[in-house]
């Protein structure tokens, strides 16, 4: 499947990478790799992760406290959020419009 990032999801993902890299050299790269592996898994088997809202699913990362919120639209996976688990739930929902 093709994977597309919503602009807001891409921006928050890049911000998270920068944040972790500023804390420890290489840690941002670790987050990048972990999220890319998760996105690869989603692209291969998009229905494998549980329904989160009516139109989305959620995949948790293993090492970092993030979840990837996505929807399936025909043959495209749209990433709506790379959400830190301590953020307010559904803060990203206005992106679905």
PDB file of N, CA and C in Angstrom:
ATOM      1  N   UNK A   1       0.831  -1.192   0.000  1.00  0.00           N
ATOM      2  CA  UNK A   1       0.000   0.000   0.000  1.00  0.00           C
ATOM      3  C   UNK A   1       0.869   1.248   0.000  1.00  0.00           C
ATOM      4  N   UNK A   2       0.339   2.281  -0.548  1.00  0.00           N
ATOM      5  CA  UNK A   2       0.986   3.588  -0.516  1.00  0.00           C
ATOM      6  C   UNK A   2       0.690   4.224   0.841  1.00  0.00           C
ATOM      7  N   UNK A   3       1.670   4.914   1.413  1.00  0.00           N
ATOM      8  CA  UNK A   3       1.493   5.589   2.699  1.00  0.00           C
ATOM      9  C   UNK A   3       1.666   7.087   2.484  1.00  0.00           C
ATOM     10  N   UNK A   4       0.730   7.859   3.004  1.00  0.00           N
ATOM     11  CA  UNK A   4       0.785   9.327   2.946  1.00  0.00           C
ATOM     12  C   UNK A   4       0.669   9.877   4.351  1.00  0.00           C
ATOM     13  N   UNK A   5       1.439  10.922   4.625  1.00  0.00           N
ATOM     14  CA  UNK A   5       1.334  11.626   5.896  1.00  0.00           C
ATOM     15  C   UNK A   5       0.453  12.854   5.718  1.00  0.00           C
ATOM     16  N   UNK A   6      -0.458  13.064   6.643  1.00  0.00           N
ATOM     17  CA  UNK A   6      -1.119  14.355   6.762  1.00  0.00           C
ATOM     18  C   UNK A   6      -0.032  15.355   7.140  1.00  0.00           C
ATOM     19  N   UNK A   7      -0.153  16.600   6.673  1.00  0.00           N
ATOM     20  CA  UNK A   7       0.876  17.612   6.961  1.00  0.00           C
ATOM     21  C   UNK A   7       1.116  17.779   8.455  1.00  0.00           C
ATOM     22  N   UNK A   8       0.058  17.790   9.243  1.00  0.00           N
ATOM     23  CA  UNK A   8       0.197  17.934  10.692  1.00  0.00           C
ATOM     24  C   UNK A   8       0.904  16.752  11.316  1.00  0.00           C
ATOM     25  N   UNK A   9       0.610  15.556  10.840  1.00  0.00           N
ATOM     26  CA  UNK A   9       1.267  14.351  11.357  1.00  0.00           C
ATOM     27  C   UNK A   9       2.751  14.359  11.015  1.00  0.00           C
ATOM     28  N   UNK A  10       3.066  14.769   9.808  1.00  0.00           N
ATOM     29  CA  UNK A  10       4.472  14.832   9.405  1.00  0.00           C
ATOM     30  C   UNK A  10       5.233  15.844  10.255  1.00  0.00           C
ATOM     31  N   UNK A  11       4.630  17.005  10.482  1.00  0.00           N
ATOM     32  CA  UNK A  11       5.286  18.050  11.285  1.00  0.00           C
ATOM     33  C   UNK A  11       5.518  17.576  12.713  1.00  0.00           C
ATOM     34  N   UNK A  12       4.529  16.930  13.326  1.00  0.00           N
ATOM     35  CA  UNK A  12       4.718  16.484  14.706  1.00  0.00           C
ATOM     36  C   UNK A  12       5.739  15.361  14.784  1.00  0.00           C
ATOM     37  N   UNK A  13       5.803  14.518  13.774  1.00  0.00           N
ATOM     38  CA  UNK A  13       6.793  13.449  13.735  1.00  0.00           C
ATOM     39  C   UNK A  13       8.207  14.033  13.646  1.00  0.00           C
ATOM     40  N   UNK A  14       8.396  15.001  12.759  1.00  0.00           N
ATOM     41  CA  UNK A  14       9.713  15.645  12.627  1.00  0.00           C
ATOM     42  C   UNK A  14      10.096  16.382  13.914  1.00  0.00           C
ATOM     43  N   UNK A  15       9.121  17.019  14.553  1.00  0.00           N
ATOM     44  CA  UNK A  15       9.381  17.681  15.840  1.00  0.00           C
ATOM     45  C   UNK A  15       9.811  16.673  16.906  1.00  0.00           C
ATOM     46  N   UNK A  16       9.171  15.527  16.939  1.00  0.00           N
ATOM     47  CA  UNK A  16       9.522  14.497  17.926  1.00  0.00           C
ATOM     48  C   UNK A  16      10.940  13.985  17.690  1.00  0.00           C
ATOM     49  N   UNK A  17      11.292  13.783  16.431  1.00  0.00           N
ATOM     50  CA  UNK A  17      12.651  13.339  16.111  1.00  0.00           C
ATOM     51  C   UNK A  17      13.659  14.374  16.597  1.00  0.00           C
ATOM     52  N   UNK A  18      13.398  15.641  16.312  1.00  0.00           N
ATOM     53  CA  UNK A  18      14.300  16.718  16.749  1.00  0.00           C
ATOM     54  C   UNK A  18      14.407  16.776  18.267  1.00  0.00           C
ATOM     55  N   UNK A  19      13.277  16.630  18.946  1.00  0.00           N
ATOM     56  CA  UNK A  19      13.271  16.664  20.404  1.00  0.00           C
ATOM     57  C   UNK A  19      14.177  15.565  20.969  1.00  0.00           C
ATOM     58  N   UNK A  20      13.976  14.338  20.522  1.00  0.00           N
ATOM     59  CA  UNK A  20      14.771  13.228  21.050  1.00  0.00           C
ATOM     60  C   UNK A  20      16.246  13.379  20.679  1.00  0.00           C
ATOM     61  N   UNK A  21      16.519  13.858  19.493  1.00  0.00           N
ATOM     62  CA  UNK A  21      17.909  14.033  19.082  1.00  0.00           C
ATOM     63  C   UNK A  21      18.593  15.102  19.923  1.00  0.00           C
ATOM     64  N   UNK A  22      17.831  16.130  20.343  1.00  0.00           N
ATOM     65  CA  UNK A  22      18.411  17.173  21.189  1.00  0.00           C
ATOM     66  C   UNK A  22      18.723  16.664  22.596  1.00  0.00           C
ATOM     67  N   UNK A  23      18.060  15.593  23.003  1.00  0.00           N
ATOM     68  CA  UNK A  23      18.298  15.014  24.322  1.00  0.00           C
ATOM     69  C   UNK A  23      19.511  14.090  24.330  1.00  0.00           C
ATOM     70  N   UNK A  24      19.654  13.346  23.230  1.00  0.00           N
ATOM     71  CA  UNK A  24      20.786  12.423  23.126  1.00  0.00           C
ATOM     72  C   UNK A  24      21.039  12.135  21.646  1.00  0.00           C
ATOM     73  N   UNK A  25      22.279  12.321  21.215  1.00  0.00           N
ATOM     74  CA  UNK A  25      22.631  12.080  19.819  1.00  0.00           C
ATOM     75  C   UNK A  25      22.305  10.628  19.467  1.00  0.00           C
ATOM     76  N   UNK A  26      21.584  10.463  18.384  1.00  0.00           N
ATOM     77  CA  UNK A  26      21.190   9.138  17.912  1.00  0.00           C
ATOM     78  C   UNK A  26      19.800   8.715  18.335  1.00  0.00           C
ATOM     79  N   UNK A  27      19.275   9.330  19.386  1.00  0.00           N
ATOM     80  CA  UNK A  27      17.951   8.936  19.875  1.00  0.00           C
ATOM     81  C   UNK A  27      16.849   9.326  18.889  1.00  0.00           C
ATOM     82  N   UNK A  28      17.004  10.469  18.249  1.00  0.00           N
ATOM     83  CA  UNK A  28      16.035  10.863  17.222  1.00  0.00           C
ATOM     84  C   UNK A  28      16.020   9.876  16.067  1.00  0.00           C
ATOM     85  N   UNK A  29      17.199   9.408  15.690  1.00  0.00           N
ATOM     86  CA  UNK A  29      17.286   8.389  14.643  1.00  0.00           C
ATOM     87  C   UNK A  29      16.638   7.088  15.060  1.00  0.00           C
ATOM     88  N   UNK A  30      16.766   6.760  16.337  1.00  0.00           N
ATOM     89  CA  UNK A  30      16.103   5.553  16.846  1.00  0.00           C
ATOM     90  C   UNK A  30      14.587   5.668  16.728  1.00  0.00           C
ATOM     91  N   UNK A  31      14.057   6.846  17.080  1.00  0.00           N
ATOM     92  CA  UNK A  31      12.612   7.063  16.931  1.00  0.00           C
ATOM     93  C   UNK A  31      12.211   6.974  15.465  1.00  0.00           C
ATOM     94  N   UNK A  32      12.967   7.629  14.607  1.00  0.00           N
ATOM     95  CA  UNK A  32      12.694   7.584  13.167  1.00  0.00           C
ATOM     96  C   UNK A  32      12.614   6.137  12.692  1.00  0.00           C
ATOM     97  N   UNK A  33      13.622   5.344  13.027  1.00  0.00           N
ATOM     98  CA  UNK A  33      13.639   3.942  12.586  1.00  0.00           C
ATOM     99  C   UNK A  33      12.463   3.149  13.127  1.00  0.00           C
ATOM    100  N   UNK A  34      12.143   3.360  14.394  1.00  0.00           N
ATOM    101  CA  UNK A  34      11.037   2.606  14.986  1.00  0.00           C
ATOM    102  C   UNK A  34       9.708   2.941  14.314  1.00  0.00           C
ATOM    103  N   UNK A  35       9.475   4.224  14.068  1.00  0.00           N
ATOM    104  CA  UNK A  35       8.214   4.621  13.424  1.00  0.00           C
ATOM    105  C   UNK A  35       8.171   4.125  11.980  1.00  0.00           C
ATOM    106  N   UNK A  36       9.301   4.191  11.277  1.00  0.00           N
ATOM    107  CA  UNK A  36       9.315   3.697   9.892  1.00  0.00           C
ATOM    108  C   UNK A  36       9.063   2.194   9.822  1.00  0.00           C
ATOM    109  N   UNK A  37       9.595   1.439  10.774  1.00  0.00           N
ATOM    110  CA  UNK A  37       9.306  -0.001  10.822  1.00  0.00           C
ATOM    111  C   UNK A  37       7.815  -0.219  11.058  1.00  0.00           C
ATOM    112  N   UNK A  38       7.241   0.519  11.995  1.00  0.00           N
ATOM    113  CA  UNK A  38       5.804   0.391  12.282  1.00  0.00           C
ATOM    114  C   UNK A  38       4.970   0.744  11.057  1.00  0.00           C
ATOM    115  N   UNK A  39       5.354   1.803  10.361  1.00  0.00           N
ATOM    116  CA  UNK A  39       4.609   2.199   9.159  1.00  0.00           C
ATOM    117  C   UNK A  39       4.736   1.124   8.079  1.00  0.00           C
ATOM    118  N   UNK A  40       5.896   0.512   7.978  1.00  0.00           N
ATOM    119  CA  UNK A  40       6.056  -0.595   7.035  1.00  0.00           C
ATOM    120  C   UNK A  40       5.136  -1.751   7.365  1.00  0.00           C
ATOM    121  N   UNK A  41       5.008  -2.047   8.652  1.00  0.00           N
ATOM    122  CA  UNK A  41       4.090  -3.112   9.080  1.00  0.00           C
ATOM    123  C   UNK A  41       2.649  -2.745   8.744  1.00  0.00           C
ATOM    124  N   UNK A  42       2.306  -1.491   8.974  1.00  0.00           N
ATOM    125  CA  UNK A  42       0.946  -1.032   8.657  1.00  0.00           C
ATOM    126  C   UNK A  42       0.693  -1.159   7.158  1.00  0.00           C
ATOM    127  N   UNK A  43       1.654  -0.746   6.345  1.00  0.00           N
ATOM    128  CA  UNK A  43       1.492  -0.797   4.890  1.00  0.00           C
ATOM    129  C   UNK A  43       1.309  -2.234   4.407  1.00  0.00           C
ATOM    130  N   UNK A  44       1.993  -3.176   5.041  1.00  0.00           N
ATOM    131  CA  UNK A  44       1.884  -4.587   4.641  1.00  0.00           C
ATOM    132  C   UNK A  44       0.576  -5.227   5.091  1.00  0.00           C
ATOM    133  N   UNK A  45       0.120  -4.857   6.292  1.00  0.00           N
ATOM    134  CA  UNK A  45      -1.072  -5.479   6.873  1.00  0.00           C
ATOM    135  C   UNK A  45      -1.929  -4.424   7.569  1.00  0.00           C
ATOM    136  N   UNK A  46      -2.537  -3.533   6.834  1.00  0.00           N
ATOM    137  CA  UNK A  46      -3.234  -2.393   7.452  1.00  0.00           C
ATOM    138  C   UNK A  46      -4.416  -2.756   8.352  1.00  0.00           C
ATOM    139  N   UNK A  47      -4.991  -3.908   8.172  1.00  0.00           N
ATOM    140  CA  UNK A  47      -6.148  -4.299   8.990  1.00  0.00           C
ATOM    141  C   UNK A  47      -5.752  -5.025  10.278  1.00  0.00           C
ATOM    142  N   UNK A  48      -4.464  -5.172  10.515  1.00  0.00           N
ATOM    143  CA  UNK A  48      -3.984  -5.950  11.661  1.00  0.00           C
ATOM    144  C   UNK A  48      -4.092  -5.222  12.995  1.00  0.00           C
ATOM    145  N   UNK A  49      -4.226  -3.913  12.982  1.00  0.00           N
ATOM    146  CA  UNK A  49      -4.258  -3.162  14.235  1.00  0.00           C
ATOM    147  C   UNK A  49      -5.670  -2.726  14.537  1.00  0.00           C
ATOM    148  N   UNK A  50      -5.989  -2.577  15.811  1.00  0.00           N
ATOM    149  CA  UNK A  50      -7.387  -2.371  16.205  1.00  0.00           C
ATOM    150  C   UNK A  50      -7.972  -1.036  15.749  1.00  0.00           C
ATOM    151  N   UNK A  51      -9.269  -1.095  15.559  1.00  0.00           N
ATOM    152  CA  UNK A  51     -10.026   0.117  15.247  1.00  0.00           C
ATOM    153  C   UNK A  51      -9.920   1.047  16.453  1.00  0.00           C
ATOM    154  N   UNK A  52      -9.663   2.313  16.167  1.00  0.00           N
ATOM    155  CA  UNK A  52      -9.508   3.318  17.230  1.00  0.00           C
ATOM    156  C   UNK A  52     -10.717   4.240  17.273  1.00  0.00           C
ATOM    157  N   UNK A  53     -11.063   4.805  16.145  1.00  0.00           N
ATOM    158  CA  UNK A  53     -12.312   5.558  16.011  1.00  0.00           C
ATOM    159  C   UNK A  53     -13.061   4.940  14.836  1.00  0.00           C
ATOM    160  N   UNK A  54     -14.164   5.498  14.509  1.00  0.00           N
ATOM    161  CA  UNK A  54     -14.980   4.940  13.429  1.00  0.00           C
ATOM    162  C   UNK A  54     -14.182   4.736  12.142  1.00  0.00           C
ATOM    163  N   UNK A  55     -13.288   5.668  11.824  1.00  0.00           N
ATOM    164  CA  UNK A  55     -12.557   5.609  10.553  1.00  0.00           C
ATOM    165  C   UNK A  55     -11.051   5.435  10.697  1.00  0.00           C
ATOM    166  N   UNK A  56     -10.566   5.191  11.896  1.00  0.00           N
ATOM    167  CA  UNK A  56      -9.115   5.086  12.071  1.00  0.00           C
ATOM    168  C   UNK A  56      -8.727   3.827  12.841  1.00  0.00           C
ATOM    169  N   UNK A  57      -7.442   3.538  12.750  1.00  0.00           N
ATOM    170  CA  UNK A  57      -6.832   2.445  13.496  1.00  0.00           C
ATOM    171  C   UNK A  57      -5.606   2.999  14.212  1.00  0.00           C
ATOM    172  N   UNK A  58      -5.091   2.227  15.178  1.00  0.00           N
ATOM    173  CA  UNK A  58      -3.954   2.717  15.959  1.00  0.00           C
ATOM    174  C   UNK A  58      -2.929   1.604  16.160  1.00  0.00           C
ATOM    175  N   UNK A  59      -1.674   1.973  15.936  1.00  0.00           N
ATOM    176  CA  UNK A  59      -0.535   1.063  16.122  1.00  0.00           C
ATOM    177  C   UNK A  59       0.420   1.732  17.109  1.00  0.00           C
ATOM    178  N   UNK A  60       0.717   1.047  18.218  1.00  0.00           N
ATOM    179  CA  UNK A  60       1.655   1.573  19.211  1.00  0.00           C
ATOM    180  C   UNK A  60       3.079   1.173  18.849  1.00  0.00           C
ATOM    181  N   UNK A  61       4.016   2.096  19.074  1.00  0.00           N
ATOM    182  CA  UNK A  61       5.423   1.751  18.929  1.00  0.00           C
ATOM    183  C   UNK A  61       5.855   0.985  20.172  1.00  0.00           C
ATOM    184  N   UNK A  62       6.981   0.308  20.080  1.00  0.00           N
ATOM    185  CA  UNK A  62       7.418  -0.538  21.192  1.00  0.00           C
ATOM    186  C   UNK A  62       8.274   0.228  22.197  1.00  0.00           C
ATOM    187  N   UNK A  63       9.297   0.901  21.722  1.00  0.00           N
ATOM    188  CA  UNK A  63      10.267   1.531  22.617  1.00  0.00           C
ATOM    189  C   UNK A  63       9.850   2.918  23.077  1.00  0.00           C
ATOM    190  N   UNK A  64       9.240   3.663  22.203  1.00  0.00           N
ATOM    191  CA  UNK A  64       8.875   5.047  22.487  1.00  0.00           C
ATOM    192  C   UNK A  64       7.379   5.142  22.754  1.00  0.00           C
ATOM    193  N   UNK A  65       6.962   6.129  23.562  1.00  0.00           N
ATOM    194  CA  UNK A  65       5.533   6.241  23.913  1.00  0.00           C
ATOM    195  C   UNK A  65       4.716   6.969  22.840  1.00  0.00           C
ATOM    196  N   UNK A  66       4.631   6.357  21.677  1.00  0.00           N
ATOM    197  CA  UNK A  66       3.910   6.958  20.555  1.00  0.00           C
ATOM    198  C   UNK A  66       2.947   5.951  19.961  1.00  0.00           C
ATOM    199  N   UNK A  67       1.893   6.486  19.372  1.00  0.00           N
ATOM    200  CA  UNK A  67       1.001   5.660  18.575  1.00  0.00           C
ATOM    201  C   UNK A  67       0.842   6.319  17.213  1.00  0.00           C
ATOM    202  N   UNK A  68       0.621   5.490  16.233  1.00  0.00           N
ATOM    203  CA  UNK A  68       0.420   5.964  14.866  1.00  0.00           C
ATOM    204  C   UNK A  68      -1.056   5.785  14.568  1.00  0.00           C
ATOM    205  N   UNK A  69      -1.702   6.894  14.307  1.00  0.00           N
ATOM    206  CA  UNK A  69      -3.129   6.888  13.996  1.00  0.00           C
ATOM    207  C   UNK A  69      -3.257   6.978  12.475  1.00  0.00           C
ATOM    208  N   UNK A  70      -4.004   6.057  11.886  1.00  0.00           N
ATOM    209  CA  UNK A  70      -4.097   6.017  10.436  1.00  0.00           C
ATOM    210  C   UNK A  70      -5.475   5.563   9.980  1.00  0.00           C
ATOM    211  N   UNK A  71      -5.748   5.841   8.719  1.00  0.00           N
ATOM    212  CA  UNK A  71      -6.957   5.322   8.084  1.00  0.00           C
ATOM    213  C   UNK A  71      -6.564   4.667   6.774  1.00  0.00           C
ATOM    214  N   UNK A  72      -7.471   3.867   6.262  1.00  0.00           N
ATOM    215  CA  UNK A  72      -7.257   3.172   5.001  1.00  0.00           C
ATOM    216  C   UNK A  72      -8.263   3.735   4.013  1.00  0.00           C
ATOM    217  N   UNK A  73      -7.747   4.291   2.933  1.00  0.00           N
ATOM    218  CA  UNK A  73      -8.598   4.894   1.909  1.00  0.00           C
ATOM    219  C   UNK A  73      -8.223   4.291   0.566  1.00  0.00           C
ATOM    220  N   UNK A  74      -9.031   3.342   0.116  1.00  0.00           N
ATOM    221  CA  UNK A  74      -8.750   2.556  -1.093  1.00  0.00           C
ATOM    222  C   UNK A  74      -7.422   1.844  -0.901  1.00  0.00           C
ATOM    223  N   UNK A  75      -6.413   2.185  -1.717  1.00  0.00           N
ATOM    224  CA  UNK A  75      -5.106   1.527  -1.597  1.00  0.00           C
ATOM    225  C   UNK A  75      -4.069   2.455  -0.968  1.00  0.00           C
ATOM    226  N   UNK A  76      -4.529   3.407  -0.165  1.00  0.00           N
ATOM    227  CA  UNK A  76      -3.648   4.372   0.492  1.00  0.00           C
ATOM    228  C   UNK A  76      -3.870   4.316   2.001  1.00  0.00           C
ATOM    229  N   UNK A  77      -2.766   4.287   2.738  1.00  0.00           N
ATOM    230  CA  UNK A  77      -2.810   4.437   4.188  1.00  0.00           C
ATOM    231  C   UNK A  77      -2.473   5.890   4.474  1.00  0.00           C
ATOM    232  N   UNK A  78      -3.351   6.579   5.177  1.00  0.00           N
ATOM    233  CA  UNK A  78      -3.114   7.978   5.539  1.00  0.00           C
ATOM    234  C   UNK A  78      -2.772   8.037   7.020  1.00  0.00           C
ATOM    235  N   UNK A  79      -1.592   8.571   7.324  1.00  0.00           N
ATOM    236  CA  UNK A  79      -1.158   8.747   8.704  1.00  0.00           C
ATOM    237  C   UNK A  79      -1.679  10.094   9.180  1.00  0.00           C
ATOM    238  N   UNK A  80      -2.544  10.072  10.187  1.00  0.00           N
ATOM    239  CA  UNK A  80      -3.156  11.298  10.709  1.00  0.00           C
ATOM    240  C   UNK A  80      -2.403  11.856  11.903  1.00  0.00           C
ATOM    241  N   UNK A  81      -1.695  10.995  12.620  1.00  0.00           N
ATOM    242  CA  UNK A  81      -0.953  11.467  13.789  1.00  0.00           C
ATOM    243  C   UNK A  81       0.138  10.465  14.148  1.00  0.00           C
ATOM    244  N   UNK A  82       1.253  11.015  14.610  1.00  0.00           N
ATOM    245  CA  UNK A  82       2.277  10.250  15.308  1.00  0.00           C
ATOM    246  C   UNK A  82       2.228  10.852  16.705  1.00  0.00           C
ATOM    247  N   UNK A  83       1.361  10.287  17.521  1.00  0.00           N
ATOM    248  CA  UNK A  83       0.914  10.925  18.758  1.00  0.00           C
ATOM    249  C   UNK A  83       1.648  10.397  19.978  1.00  0.00           C
ATOM    250  N   UNK A  84       2.208  11.306  20.751  1.00  0.00           N
ATOM    251  CA  UNK A  84       2.779  10.931  22.042  1.00  0.00           C
ATOM    252  C   UNK A  84       1.605  10.503  22.914  1.00  0.00           C
ATOM    253  N   UNK A  85       1.769   9.433  23.650  1.00  0.00           N
ATOM    254  CA  UNK A  85       0.647   8.871  24.403  1.00  0.00           C
ATOM    255  C   UNK A  85       0.199   9.731  25.582  1.00  0.00           C
ATOM    256  N   UNK A  86       0.992  10.743  25.951  1.00  0.00           N
ATOM    257  CA  UNK A  86       0.559  11.620  27.047  1.00  0.00           C
ATOM    258  C   UNK A  86      -0.229  12.827  26.549  1.00  0.00           C
ATOM    259  N   UNK A  87      -0.325  12.998  25.231  1.00  0.00           N
ATOM    260  CA  UNK A  87      -1.098  14.121  24.697  1.00  0.00           C
ATOM    261  C   UNK A  87      -2.589  13.876  24.879  1.00  0.00           C
ATOM    262  N   UNK A  88      -3.326  14.959  24.818  1.00  0.00           N
ATOM    263  CA  UNK A  88      -4.777  14.851  24.908  1.00  0.00           C
ATOM    264  C   UNK A  88      -5.289  13.949  23.785  1.00  0.00           C
ATOM    265  N   UNK A  89      -6.147  13.037  24.136  1.00  0.00           N
ATOM    266  CA  UNK A  89      -6.676  12.101  23.159  1.00  0.00           C
ATOM    267  C   UNK A  89      -7.500  12.839  22.108  1.00  0.00           C
ATOM    268  N   UNK A  90      -7.373  12.426  20.891  1.00  0.00           N
ATOM    269  CA  UNK A  90      -8.129  12.953  19.740  1.00  0.00           C
ATOM    270  C   UNK A  90      -7.781  14.387  19.368  1.00  0.00           C
ATOM    271  N   UNK A  91      -6.652  14.924  19.818  1.00  0.00           N
ATOM    272  CA  UNK A  91      -6.240  16.284  19.446  1.00  0.00           C
ATOM    273  C   UNK A  91      -6.105  16.420  17.935  1.00  0.00           C
ATOM    274  N   UNK A  92      -5.875  15.351  17.260  1.00  0.00           N
ATOM    275  CA  UNK A  92      -5.616  15.314  15.827  1.00  0.00           C
ATOM    276  C   UNK A  92      -6.893  15.175  14.999  1.00  0.00           C
ATOM    277  N   UNK A  93      -8.027  14.981  15.641  1.00  0.00           N
ATOM    278  CA  UNK A  93      -9.258  14.610  14.921  1.00  0.00           C
ATOM    279  C   UNK A  93      -9.728  15.652  13.914  1.00  0.00           C
ATOM    280  N   UNK A  94      -9.374  16.927  14.110  1.00  0.00           N
ATOM    281  CA  UNK A  94      -9.770  17.940  13.129  1.00  0.00           C
ATOM    282  C   UNK A  94      -9.026  17.783  11.808  1.00  0.00           C
ATOM    283  N   UNK A  95      -7.972  16.999  11.793  1.00  0.00           N
ATOM    284  CA  UNK A  95      -7.230  16.749  10.555  1.00  0.00           C
ATOM    285  C   UNK A  95      -8.013  15.850   9.593  1.00  0.00           C
ATOM    286  N   UNK A  96      -8.992  15.136  10.079  1.00  0.00           N
ATOM    287  CA  UNK A  96      -9.735  14.190   9.258  1.00  0.00           C
ATOM    288  C   UNK A  96     -10.633  14.853   8.216  1.00  0.00           C
ATOM    289  N   UNK A  97     -10.833  16.130   8.314  1.00  0.00           N
ATOM    290  CA  UNK A  97     -11.718  16.825   7.367  1.00  0.00           C
ATOM    291  C   UNK A  97     -11.118  16.916   6.042  1.00  0.00           C
TER     292      UNK A  97
END
